[in-house]
Amino acid sequence: MEQIIEGRYPDYHSKYSLVTFHPEISYAEAHRRGNQQDQFLLQICREVESIQELDIEAIYQRLKAVVGF
């Protein structure tokens, strides 16, 4: 799911990408944001049986609101 979101939305970056490829973001901020993203996405994964059930646009919008990127 994270790869789909990162591929579709250029303003979304995984924790790995934040830490590795975005020196303008401090490590502490990348770590904080990445952990929030991870928790949010893991909760979504617990709620569905298959990736076909996902509304990626809705998840992306909720993720933006929760994490604030």
C-alpha atoms as a PDB file:
ATOM      1  CA  MET A   1       0.000   0.000   0.000  1.00  0.00           C
ATOM      2  CA  GLU A   2       2.774   2.433   0.867  1.00  0.00           C
ATOM      3  CA  GLN A   3       4.482   1.837  -2.482  1.00  0.00           C
ATOM      4  CA  ILE A   4       1.215   2.571  -4.280  1.00  0.00           C
ATOM      5  CA  ILE A   5       0.722   5.813  -2.347  1.00  0.00           C
ATOM      6  CA  GLU A   6       4.333   6.900  -2.815  1.00  0.00           C
ATOM      7  CA  GLY A   7       4.145   6.160  -6.543  1.00  0.00           C
ATOM      8  CA  ARG A   8       0.866   8.007  -7.036  1.00  0.00           C
ATOM      9  CA  TYR A   9       1.374  11.072  -4.862  1.00  0.00           C
ATOM     10  CA  PRO A  10       4.671  12.966  -5.203  1.00  0.00           C
ATOM     11  CA  ASP A  11       4.278  14.747  -1.850  1.00  0.00           C
ATOM     12  CA  TYR A  12       4.175  11.455   0.080  1.00  0.00           C
ATOM     13  CA  HIS A  13       7.468   9.867   1.128  1.00  0.00           C
ATOM     14  CA  SER A  14       8.037   6.670   3.076  1.00  0.00           C
ATOM     15  CA  LYS A  15      10.128   6.794   6.244  1.00  0.00           C
ATOM     16  CA  TYR A  16      13.064   5.301   4.326  1.00  0.00           C
ATOM     17  CA  SER A  17      12.741   7.947   1.618  1.00  0.00           C
ATOM     18  CA  LEU A  18      12.438  10.772   4.158  1.00  0.00           C
ATOM     19  CA  VAL A  19      15.593   9.702   5.988  1.00  0.00           C
ATOM     20  CA  THR A  20      17.632   8.794   2.914  1.00  0.00           C
ATOM     21  CA  PHE A  21      16.680  11.256   0.183  1.00  0.00           C
ATOM     22  CA  HIS A  22      15.424  14.417   1.908  1.00  0.00           C
ATOM     23  CA  PRO A  23      18.264  16.204   3.716  1.00  0.00           C
ATOM     24  CA  GLU A  24      16.037  19.268   4.130  1.00  0.00           C
ATOM     25  CA  ILE A  25      14.024  17.265   6.687  1.00  0.00           C
ATOM     26  CA  SER A  26      15.805  16.628   9.978  1.00  0.00           C
ATOM     27  CA  TYR A  27      16.334  13.037  11.035  1.00  0.00           C
ATOM     28  CA  ALA A  28      14.144  13.605  14.096  1.00  0.00           C
ATOM     29  CA  GLU A  29      11.288  14.963  11.961  1.00  0.00           C
ATOM     30  CA  ALA A  30      11.657  12.167   9.394  1.00  0.00           C
ATOM     31  CA  HIS A  31      11.607   9.595  12.180  1.00  0.00           C
ATOM     32  CA  ARG A  32       8.549  11.162  13.850  1.00  0.00           C
ATOM     33  CA  ARG A  33       6.624  11.472  10.591  1.00  0.00           C
ATOM     34  CA  GLY A  34       7.666   8.008   9.443  1.00  0.00           C
ATOM     35  CA  ASN A  35       6.485   6.431  12.684  1.00  0.00           C
ATOM     36  CA  GLN A  36       3.115   8.184  12.401  1.00  0.00           C
ATOM     37  CA  GLN A  37       2.761   7.001   8.811  1.00  0.00           C
ATOM     38  CA  ASP A  38       3.705   3.444   9.788  1.00  0.00           C
ATOM     39  CA  GLN A  39       1.155   3.329  12.610  1.00  0.00           C
ATOM     40  CA  PHE A  40      -1.585   4.730  10.386  1.00  0.00           C
ATOM     41  CA  LEU A  41      -0.892   2.343   7.493  1.00  0.00           C
ATOM     42  CA  LEU A  42      -0.600  -0.690   9.769  1.00  0.00           C
ATOM     43  CA  GLN A  43      -4.014   0.130  11.225  1.00  0.00           C
ATOM     44  CA  ILE A  44      -5.490   0.263   7.707  1.00  0.00           C
ATOM     45  CA  CYS A  45      -3.907  -3.130   6.953  1.00  0.00           C
ATOM     46  CA  ARG A  46      -5.577  -4.612  10.040  1.00  0.00           C
ATOM     47  CA  GLU A  47      -8.979  -3.472   8.770  1.00  0.00           C
ATOM     48  CA  VAL A  48      -8.954  -5.094   5.314  1.00  0.00           C
ATOM     49  CA  GLU A  49      -8.622  -8.573   3.875  1.00  0.00           C
ATOM     50  CA  SER A  50      -7.218  -7.600   0.474  1.00  0.00           C
ATOM     51  CA  ILE A  51      -5.597  -4.659  -1.273  1.00  0.00           C
ATOM     52  CA  GLN A  52      -8.528  -4.518  -3.695  1.00  0.00           C
ATOM     53  CA  GLU A  53     -10.690  -3.258  -0.820  1.00  0.00           C
ATOM     54  CA  LEU A  54      -8.585  -0.134  -0.413  1.00  0.00           C
ATOM     55  CA  ASP A  55      -9.674   3.309  -1.531  1.00  0.00           C
ATOM     56  CA  ILE A  56      -6.167   4.678  -2.041  1.00  0.00           C
ATOM     57  CA  GLU A  57      -7.332   8.278  -2.562  1.00  0.00           C
ATOM     58  CA  ALA A  58      -9.312   8.249   0.697  1.00  0.00           C
ATOM     59  CA  ILE A  59      -6.388   6.681   2.563  1.00  0.00           C
ATOM     60  CA  TYR A  60      -4.017   9.291   1.142  1.00  0.00           C
ATOM     61  CA  GLN A  61      -6.315  12.142   2.223  1.00  0.00           C
ATOM     62  CA  ARG A  62      -6.675  10.692   5.730  1.00  0.00           C
ATOM     63  CA  LEU A  63      -2.918  10.159   5.918  1.00  0.00           C
ATOM     64  CA  LYS A  64      -2.274  13.803   5.015  1.00  0.00           C
ATOM     65  CA  ALA A  65      -4.651  14.935   7.747  1.00  0.00           C
ATOM     66  CA  VAL A  66      -3.145  12.633  10.383  1.00  0.00           C
ATOM     67  CA  VAL A  67       0.538  13.144   9.605  1.00  0.00           C
ATOM     68  CA  GLY A  68       0.369  16.694   8.300  1.00  0.00           C
ATOM     69  CA  PHE A  69       2.720  16.591   5.337  1.00  0.00           C
END
